[in-house]
Amino acid sequence: MTYIPAEIRRLVISRSGECCEYCRISREDHVLPFEIDHITSQKHGGPSTAENLCLSCWDCNNAKGSDIAGADPVTKKATLLFHPRQQRWNDHFQLKEAVIVPLTPEGRVTLFVLQLNHPDRLIEREMLIALSRYPSERFPESSTSD
């Protein structure tokens, strides 16, 4: 595990509204602890800086692993994943009730690689929607650089 200074950890958590920057679930609504994700993994030269870190739920981080790209399910072309520091969530995804709908190639690849609409995740979001807890009001609409 990489050491990330407490000050940077606090910044990452604060700017995310304590929500996963990929699926938008709130940290307080998830059973497993959230993790600080290297958007571009260290394996691919990504630094442990605020500009390359985001808050991720265990499900998204586990599915993403060290991936930075994938094959677009529509075009079959190699496409980078959504980058929370450089791109706005609303430009790449749309919520239709519990379903996350991709709007761009990056959105499609991220949805596929992170399994954002896995049946278990849909059930979880449906329950949270019924409780008026998803999407969290704290999720920042603009999820771009600091």
N, C-alpha and C. Protein backbone atom coordinates (compact mmCIF):
# COMPACT_ATOMS: atom_id res chain seq x y z
N MET A 1 0.84 -1.18 0.00
CA MET A 1 0.00 0.00 0.00
C MET A 1 0.89 1.25 0.00
N THR A 2 0.54 2.20 -0.80
CA THR A 2 1.29 3.43 -0.93
C THR A 2 0.95 4.39 0.20
N TYR A 3 1.97 5.04 0.73
CA TYR A 3 1.74 6.05 1.75
C TYR A 3 1.24 7.32 1.08
N ILE A 4 0.11 7.81 1.56
CA ILE A 4 -0.45 9.08 1.10
C ILE A 4 -0.59 9.96 2.33
N PRO A 5 0.07 11.11 2.36
CA PRO A 5 0.01 11.98 3.53
C PRO A 5 -1.43 12.31 3.94
N ALA A 6 -1.64 12.46 5.25
CA ALA A 6 -2.98 12.72 5.80
C ALA A 6 -3.61 13.96 5.19
N GLU A 7 -2.81 14.99 4.92
CA GLU A 7 -3.34 16.22 4.33
C GLU A 7 -3.95 15.97 2.95
N ILE A 8 -3.28 15.17 2.14
CA ILE A 8 -3.79 14.84 0.80
C ILE A 8 -5.02 13.94 0.92
N ARG A 9 -5.00 12.99 1.85
CA ARG A 9 -6.17 12.12 2.08
C ARG A 9 -7.40 12.96 2.43
N ARG A 10 -7.22 13.92 3.33
CA ARG A 10 -8.33 14.79 3.73
C ARG A 10 -8.85 15.59 2.54
N LEU A 11 -7.95 16.10 1.71
CA LEU A 11 -8.36 16.86 0.53
C LEU A 11 -9.18 15.98 -0.43
N VAL A 12 -8.70 14.77 -0.69
CA VAL A 12 -9.39 13.85 -1.61
C VAL A 12 -10.80 13.55 -1.09
N ILE A 13 -10.90 13.27 0.19
CA ILE A 13 -12.20 12.94 0.78
C ILE A 13 -13.12 14.16 0.76
N SER A 14 -12.60 15.30 1.12
CA SER A 14 -13.40 16.53 1.18
C SER A 14 -13.94 16.94 -0.19
N ARG A 15 -13.09 16.98 -1.19
CA ARG A 15 -13.54 17.47 -2.50
C ARG A 15 -14.51 16.51 -3.18
N SER A 16 -14.55 15.25 -2.74
CA SER A 16 -15.48 14.27 -3.32
C SER A 16 -16.85 14.35 -2.68
N GLY A 17 -17.00 15.13 -1.63
CA GLY A 17 -18.24 15.13 -0.89
C GLY A 17 -18.47 13.82 -0.16
N GLU A 18 -17.37 13.10 0.07
CA GLU A 18 -17.39 11.77 0.69
C GLU A 18 -18.22 10.77 -0.12
N CYS A 19 -18.14 10.93 -1.45
CA CYS A 19 -18.84 10.03 -2.37
C CYS A 19 -17.83 9.40 -3.32
N CYS A 20 -18.15 8.20 -3.78
CA CYS A 20 -17.31 7.57 -4.80
C CYS A 20 -17.37 8.44 -6.05
N GLU A 21 -16.22 8.75 -6.59
CA GLU A 21 -16.18 9.63 -7.76
C GLU A 21 -16.47 8.90 -9.06
N TYR A 22 -16.70 7.59 -8.98
CA TYR A 22 -17.08 6.81 -10.15
C TYR A 22 -18.58 6.50 -10.16
N CYS A 23 -19.11 5.94 -9.06
CA CYS A 23 -20.51 5.53 -9.04
C CYS A 23 -21.42 6.47 -8.25
N ARG A 24 -20.87 7.41 -7.52
CA ARG A 24 -21.58 8.44 -6.77
C ARG A 24 -22.21 7.98 -5.47
N ILE A 25 -21.94 6.76 -5.02
CA ILE A 25 -22.51 6.33 -3.74
C ILE A 25 -21.79 7.03 -2.59
N SER A 26 -22.54 7.34 -1.55
CA SER A 26 -21.97 8.01 -0.39
C SER A 26 -21.20 7.03 0.48
N ARG A 27 -20.15 7.50 1.06
CA ARG A 27 -19.33 6.68 1.95
C ARG A 27 -20.14 6.15 3.12
N GLU A 28 -21.08 6.94 3.62
CA GLU A 28 -21.87 6.49 4.77
C GLU A 28 -22.93 5.46 4.38
N ASP A 29 -23.17 5.24 3.10
CA ASP A 29 -24.16 4.27 2.64
C ASP A 29 -23.54 2.98 2.13
N HIS A 30 -22.25 2.83 2.29
CA HIS A 30 -21.57 1.64 1.77
C HIS A 30 -21.00 0.84 2.93
N VAL A 31 -21.15 -0.46 2.87
CA VAL A 31 -20.70 -1.32 3.96
C VAL A 31 -19.18 -1.36 4.05
N LEU A 32 -18.51 -1.49 2.92
CA LEU A 32 -17.06 -1.61 2.91
C LEU A 32 -16.40 -0.23 2.90
N PRO A 33 -15.20 -0.13 3.48
CA PRO A 33 -14.53 1.18 3.52
C PRO A 33 -14.16 1.68 2.12
N PHE A 34 -14.17 2.99 1.98
CA PHE A 34 -13.74 3.62 0.73
C PHE A 34 -12.22 3.65 0.69
N GLU A 35 -11.70 3.81 -0.52
CA GLU A 35 -10.25 3.80 -0.72
C GLU A 35 -9.85 5.02 -1.54
N ILE A 36 -8.60 5.42 -1.35
CA ILE A 36 -8.03 6.48 -2.18
C ILE A 36 -7.46 5.77 -3.42
N ASP A 37 -7.99 6.12 -4.58
CA ASP A 37 -7.61 5.47 -5.84
C ASP A 37 -6.62 6.32 -6.62
N HIS A 38 -5.60 5.67 -7.13
CA HIS A 38 -4.72 6.31 -8.10
C HIS A 38 -5.44 6.22 -9.45
N ILE A 39 -5.87 7.35 -9.98
CA ILE A 39 -6.62 7.35 -11.24
C ILE A 39 -5.76 6.73 -12.34
N THR A 40 -4.56 7.23 -12.49
CA THR A 40 -3.55 6.56 -13.31
C THR A 40 -2.69 5.80 -12.31
N SER A 41 -2.74 4.49 -12.38
CA SER A 41 -2.07 3.68 -11.37
C SER A 41 -0.57 3.92 -11.36
N GLN A 42 0.02 3.62 -10.21
CA GLN A 42 1.47 3.74 -10.10
C GLN A 42 2.15 2.81 -11.10
N LYS A 43 1.54 1.68 -11.36
CA LYS A 43 2.07 0.73 -12.35
C LYS A 43 2.26 1.40 -13.71
N HIS A 44 1.40 2.39 -14.01
CA HIS A 44 1.46 3.11 -15.28
C HIS A 44 2.09 4.49 -15.13
N GLY A 45 2.82 4.70 -14.04
CA GLY A 45 3.55 5.96 -13.84
C GLY A 45 2.76 7.04 -13.13
N GLY A 46 1.60 6.72 -12.60
CA GLY A 46 0.79 7.72 -11.91
C GLY A 46 1.35 8.06 -10.54
N PRO A 47 1.48 9.35 -10.24
CA PRO A 47 2.04 9.76 -8.96
C PRO A 47 0.98 9.76 -7.84
N SER A 48 1.45 9.82 -6.62
CA SER A 48 0.56 9.91 -5.46
C SER A 48 0.34 11.38 -5.12
N THR A 49 -0.21 12.12 -6.07
CA THR A 49 -0.49 13.54 -5.89
C THR A 49 -1.99 13.76 -5.90
N ALA A 50 -2.43 14.88 -5.36
CA ALA A 50 -3.86 15.20 -5.31
C ALA A 50 -4.50 15.17 -6.70
N GLU A 51 -3.74 15.56 -7.71
CA GLU A 51 -4.27 15.61 -9.07
C GLU A 51 -4.49 14.23 -9.68
N ASN A 52 -3.93 13.20 -9.07
CA ASN A 52 -4.06 11.83 -9.59
C ASN A 52 -4.79 10.91 -8.62
N LEU A 53 -5.44 11.48 -7.62
CA LEU A 53 -6.13 10.66 -6.63
C LEU A 53 -7.60 11.01 -6.58
N CYS A 54 -8.42 10.00 -6.32
CA CYS A 54 -9.85 10.23 -6.13
C CYS A 54 -10.37 9.27 -5.06
N LEU A 55 -11.55 9.56 -4.55
CA LEU A 55 -12.18 8.68 -3.59
C LEU A 55 -13.01 7.65 -4.35
N SER A 56 -12.86 6.40 -3.96
CA SER A 56 -13.51 5.30 -4.67
C SER A 56 -14.10 4.32 -3.67
N CYS A 57 -15.32 3.85 -3.96
CA CYS A 57 -15.86 2.78 -3.12
C CYS A 57 -15.08 1.51 -3.42
N TRP A 58 -15.21 0.54 -2.52
CA TRP A 58 -14.47 -0.70 -2.69
C TRP A 58 -14.85 -1.39 -4.00
N ASP A 59 -16.14 -1.38 -4.35
CA ASP A 59 -16.58 -2.06 -5.57
C ASP A 59 -15.92 -1.48 -6.82
N CYS A 60 -15.94 -0.16 -6.93
CA CYS A 60 -15.33 0.48 -8.11
C CYS A 60 -13.83 0.27 -8.12
N ASN A 61 -13.18 0.45 -6.98
CA ASN A 61 -11.72 0.33 -6.94
C ASN A 61 -11.28 -1.10 -7.21
N ASN A 62 -12.01 -2.06 -6.68
CA ASN A 62 -11.68 -3.47 -6.91
C ASN A 62 -11.83 -3.84 -8.39
N ALA A 63 -12.90 -3.37 -9.02
CA ALA A 63 -13.12 -3.66 -10.44
C ALA A 63 -12.10 -2.95 -11.32
N LYS A 64 -11.73 -1.72 -10.95
CA LYS A 64 -10.79 -0.93 -11.76
C LYS A 64 -9.38 -1.48 -11.67
N GLY A 65 -8.96 -1.85 -10.45
CA GLY A 65 -7.59 -2.32 -10.28
C GLY A 65 -6.61 -1.29 -10.79
N SER A 66 -5.64 -1.72 -11.60
CA SER A 66 -4.65 -0.79 -12.15
C SER A 66 -5.01 -0.34 -13.57
N ASP A 67 -6.22 -0.67 -14.02
CA ASP A 67 -6.63 -0.30 -15.38
C ASP A 67 -6.69 1.22 -15.55
N ILE A 68 -6.30 1.66 -16.72
CA ILE A 68 -6.45 3.07 -17.10
C ILE A 68 -7.25 3.19 -18.39
N ALA A 69 -7.54 2.04 -19.04
CA ALA A 69 -8.26 2.03 -20.30
C ALA A 69 -8.93 0.68 -20.48
N GLY A 70 -9.72 0.60 -21.53
CA GLY A 70 -10.37 -0.66 -21.88
C GLY A 70 -10.87 -0.57 -23.30
N ALA A 71 -11.43 -1.66 -23.80
CA ALA A 71 -12.01 -1.67 -25.14
C ALA A 71 -13.43 -1.15 -25.08
N ASP A 72 -13.72 -0.12 -25.85
CA ASP A 72 -15.07 0.42 -25.92
C ASP A 72 -16.00 -0.69 -26.41
N PRO A 73 -17.05 -1.02 -25.66
CA PRO A 73 -17.95 -2.10 -26.06
C PRO A 73 -18.63 -1.87 -27.41
N VAL A 74 -18.74 -0.61 -27.84
CA VAL A 74 -19.40 -0.31 -29.12
C VAL A 74 -18.41 -0.31 -30.28
N THR A 75 -17.31 0.43 -30.13
CA THR A 75 -16.36 0.58 -31.24
C THR A 75 -15.23 -0.44 -31.22
N LYS A 76 -15.04 -1.07 -30.05
CA LYS A 76 -13.94 -2.03 -29.82
C LYS A 76 -12.57 -1.35 -29.82
N LYS A 77 -12.53 -0.02 -29.81
CA LYS A 77 -11.26 0.71 -29.77
C LYS A 77 -10.80 0.91 -28.34
N ALA A 78 -9.48 0.91 -28.14
CA ALA A 78 -8.91 1.19 -26.83
C ALA A 78 -9.28 2.62 -26.44
N THR A 79 -9.83 2.77 -25.23
CA THR A 79 -10.33 4.06 -24.77
C THR A 79 -9.97 4.23 -23.30
N LEU A 80 -9.50 5.41 -22.94
CA LEU A 80 -9.18 5.70 -21.55
C LEU A 80 -10.44 5.68 -20.69
N LEU A 81 -10.27 5.33 -19.42
CA LEU A 81 -11.37 5.41 -18.46
C LEU A 81 -11.65 6.86 -18.10
N PHE A 82 -12.84 7.11 -17.56
CA PHE A 82 -13.21 8.41 -17.03
C PHE A 82 -12.17 8.85 -16.00
N HIS A 83 -11.76 10.11 -16.07
CA HIS A 83 -10.73 10.67 -15.18
C HIS A 83 -11.37 11.77 -14.32
N PRO A 84 -11.67 11.46 -13.05
CA PRO A 84 -12.37 12.43 -12.19
C PRO A 84 -11.69 13.78 -11.99
N ARG A 85 -10.39 13.87 -12.17
CA ARG A 85 -9.73 15.16 -11.99
C ARG A 85 -9.76 16.00 -13.26
N GLN A 86 -9.91 15.37 -14.41
CA GLN A 86 -9.84 16.09 -15.68
C GLN A 86 -11.18 16.19 -16.39
N GLN A 87 -12.16 15.41 -15.96
CA GLN A 87 -13.45 15.37 -16.65
C GLN A 87 -14.59 15.52 -15.65
N ARG A 88 -15.73 16.02 -16.15
CA ARG A 88 -16.94 16.17 -15.33
C ARG A 88 -17.80 14.92 -15.46
N TRP A 89 -18.27 14.40 -14.34
CA TRP A 89 -19.09 13.19 -14.32
C TRP A 89 -20.31 13.36 -15.22
N ASN A 90 -20.98 14.50 -15.12
CA ASN A 90 -22.21 14.72 -15.90
C ASN A 90 -21.98 14.81 -17.41
N ASP A 91 -20.76 15.01 -17.83
CA ASP A 91 -20.46 15.01 -19.27
C ASP A 91 -20.33 13.59 -19.81
N HIS A 92 -20.11 12.62 -18.94
CA HIS A 92 -19.84 11.25 -19.37
C HIS A 92 -20.90 10.23 -18.94
N PHE A 93 -21.73 10.63 -17.96
CA PHE A 93 -22.74 9.73 -17.43
C PHE A 93 -24.03 10.48 -17.15
N GLN A 94 -25.11 9.71 -17.13
CA GLN A 94 -26.41 10.25 -16.76
C GLN A 94 -27.10 9.19 -15.89
N LEU A 95 -27.83 9.65 -14.90
CA LEU A 95 -28.59 8.73 -14.07
C LEU A 95 -30.02 8.63 -14.61
N LYS A 96 -30.48 7.42 -14.80
CA LYS A 96 -31.88 7.15 -15.12
C LYS A 96 -32.35 6.20 -14.05
N GLU A 97 -32.92 6.80 -12.99
CA GLU A 97 -33.28 6.07 -11.78
C GLU A 97 -32.01 5.44 -11.22
N ALA A 98 -31.93 4.11 -11.11
CA ALA A 98 -30.74 3.49 -10.52
C ALA A 98 -29.66 3.17 -11.55
N VAL A 99 -29.98 3.31 -12.82
CA VAL A 99 -29.07 2.94 -13.90
C VAL A 99 -28.16 4.11 -14.26
N ILE A 100 -26.87 3.83 -14.35
CA ILE A 100 -25.91 4.82 -14.83
C ILE A 100 -25.78 4.59 -16.34
N VAL A 101 -26.12 5.63 -17.10
CA VAL A 101 -26.11 5.55 -18.56
C VAL A 101 -24.86 6.26 -19.08
N PRO A 102 -24.04 5.59 -19.89
CA PRO A 102 -22.85 6.26 -20.44
C PRO A 102 -23.24 7.17 -21.59
N LEU A 103 -22.57 8.31 -21.67
CA LEU A 103 -22.83 9.29 -22.73
C LEU A 103 -21.70 9.40 -23.73
N THR A 104 -20.54 8.83 -23.40
CA THR A 104 -19.34 8.98 -24.22
C THR A 104 -18.60 7.64 -24.28
N PRO A 105 -17.62 7.52 -25.17
CA PRO A 105 -16.80 6.31 -25.16
C PRO A 105 -16.13 6.07 -23.80
N GLU A 106 -15.62 7.14 -23.16
CA GLU A 106 -15.01 6.99 -21.85
C GLU A 106 -16.03 6.49 -20.83
N GLY A 107 -17.25 7.00 -20.94
CA GLY A 107 -18.31 6.54 -20.06
C GLY A 107 -18.64 5.07 -20.27
N ARG A 108 -18.72 4.65 -21.53
CA ARG A 108 -19.01 3.24 -21.84
C ARG A 108 -17.93 2.31 -21.28
N VAL A 109 -16.68 2.69 -21.49
CA VAL A 109 -15.57 1.85 -21.02
C VAL A 109 -15.55 1.80 -19.49
N THR A 110 -15.74 2.93 -18.85
CA THR A 110 -15.74 2.97 -17.40
C THR A 110 -16.91 2.15 -16.84
N LEU A 111 -18.07 2.29 -17.44
CA LEU A 111 -19.24 1.52 -17.02
C LEU A 111 -18.95 0.02 -17.12
N PHE A 112 -18.34 -0.38 -18.22
CA PHE A 112 -18.03 -1.80 -18.45
C PHE A 112 -16.96 -2.32 -17.50
N VAL A 113 -15.83 -1.61 -17.42
CA VAL A 113 -14.71 -2.08 -16.61
C VAL A 113 -15.06 -2.07 -15.11
N LEU A 114 -15.71 -1.03 -14.65
CA LEU A 114 -16.04 -0.92 -13.23
C LEU A 114 -17.34 -1.63 -12.88
N GLN A 115 -18.02 -2.19 -13.86
CA GLN A 115 -19.27 -2.94 -13.64
C GLN A 115 -20.29 -2.09 -12.87
N LEU A 116 -20.43 -0.84 -13.31
CA LEU A 116 -21.28 0.11 -12.58
C LEU A 116 -22.74 -0.30 -12.51
N ASN A 117 -23.22 -1.07 -13.49
CA ASN A 117 -24.62 -1.50 -13.49
C ASN A 117 -24.77 -2.99 -13.22
N HIS A 118 -23.83 -3.56 -12.49
CA HIS A 118 -23.96 -4.96 -12.07
C HIS A 118 -25.28 -5.08 -11.30
N PRO A 119 -26.01 -6.18 -11.46
CA PRO A 119 -27.31 -6.32 -10.78
C PRO A 119 -27.27 -6.03 -9.27
N ASP A 120 -26.24 -6.46 -8.57
CA ASP A 120 -26.14 -6.19 -7.14
C ASP A 120 -26.02 -4.69 -6.86
N ARG A 121 -25.30 -4.00 -7.72
CA ARG A 121 -25.13 -2.56 -7.53
C ARG A 121 -26.42 -1.81 -7.85
N LEU A 122 -27.17 -2.30 -8.83
CA LEU A 122 -28.46 -1.69 -9.15
C LEU A 122 -29.43 -1.85 -7.97
N ILE A 123 -29.46 -3.03 -7.38
CA ILE A 123 -30.33 -3.26 -6.21
C ILE A 123 -29.96 -2.32 -5.08
N GLU A 124 -28.65 -2.18 -4.84
CA GLU A 124 -28.19 -1.27 -3.78
C GLU A 124 -28.64 0.16 -4.06
N ARG A 125 -28.46 0.63 -5.29
CA ARG A 125 -28.87 1.99 -5.63
C ARG A 125 -30.38 2.16 -5.56
N GLU A 126 -31.14 1.15 -5.98
CA GLU A 126 -32.61 1.23 -5.90
C GLU A 126 -33.06 1.39 -4.45
N MET A 127 -32.44 0.64 -3.55
CA MET A 127 -32.79 0.77 -2.13
C MET A 127 -32.43 2.16 -1.61
N LEU A 128 -31.27 2.67 -2.01
CA LEU A 128 -30.87 4.00 -1.56
C LEU A 128 -31.76 5.09 -2.16
N ILE A 129 -32.20 4.92 -3.39
CA ILE A 129 -33.13 5.87 -4.01
C ILE A 129 -34.44 5.89 -3.23
N ALA A 130 -34.93 4.70 -2.85
CA ALA A 130 -36.18 4.61 -2.08
C ALA A 130 -36.06 5.34 -0.74
N LEU A 131 -34.84 5.41 -0.21
CA LEU A 131 -34.59 6.11 1.05
C LEU A 131 -34.17 7.56 0.84
N SER A 132 -34.20 8.02 -0.42
CA SER A 132 -33.77 9.38 -0.80
C SER A 132 -32.32 9.63 -0.42
N ARG A 133 -31.47 8.61 -0.58
CA ARG A 133 -30.06 8.73 -0.23
C ARG A 133 -29.13 8.63 -1.45
N TYR A 134 -29.70 8.42 -2.63
CA TYR A 134 -28.87 8.31 -3.84
C TYR A 134 -29.55 9.06 -4.96
N PRO A 135 -28.80 9.82 -5.74
CA PRO A 135 -27.40 10.17 -5.51
C PRO A 135 -27.29 11.13 -4.33
N SER A 136 -26.17 11.08 -3.67
CA SER A 136 -25.95 11.94 -2.52
C SER A 136 -25.95 13.41 -2.96
N GLU A 137 -26.58 14.23 -2.15
CA GLU A 137 -26.58 15.67 -2.43
C GLU A 137 -25.19 16.27 -2.30
N ARG A 138 -24.30 15.55 -1.64
CA ARG A 138 -22.95 16.06 -1.41
C ARG A 138 -22.02 15.81 -2.59
N PHE A 139 -22.44 14.98 -3.54
CA PHE A 139 -21.56 14.70 -4.68
C PHE A 139 -21.37 15.98 -5.49
N PRO A 140 -20.13 16.38 -5.71
CA PRO A 140 -19.89 17.63 -6.46
C PRO A 140 -20.26 17.48 -7.94
N GLU A 141 -21.05 18.39 -8.44
CA GLU A 141 -21.44 18.34 -9.85
C GLU A 141 -20.24 18.52 -10.76
N SER A 142 -19.33 19.37 -10.36
CA SER A 142 -18.10 19.54 -11.12
C SER A 142 -17.01 18.73 -10.44
N SER A 143 -16.59 17.67 -11.11
CA SER A 143 -15.59 16.78 -10.51
C SER A 143 -14.26 16.93 -11.25
N THR A 144 -13.87 18.17 -11.51
CA THR A 144 -12.63 18.42 -12.22
C THR A 144 -11.55 18.88 -11.27
N SER A 145 -10.43 19.18 -11.82
CA SER A 145 -9.21 19.51 -11.07
C SER A 145 -9.44 20.56 -9.98
N ASP A 146 -8.57 20.51 -9.00
CA ASP A 146 -8.66 21.34 -7.78
C ASP A 146 -8.74 22.80 -8.07
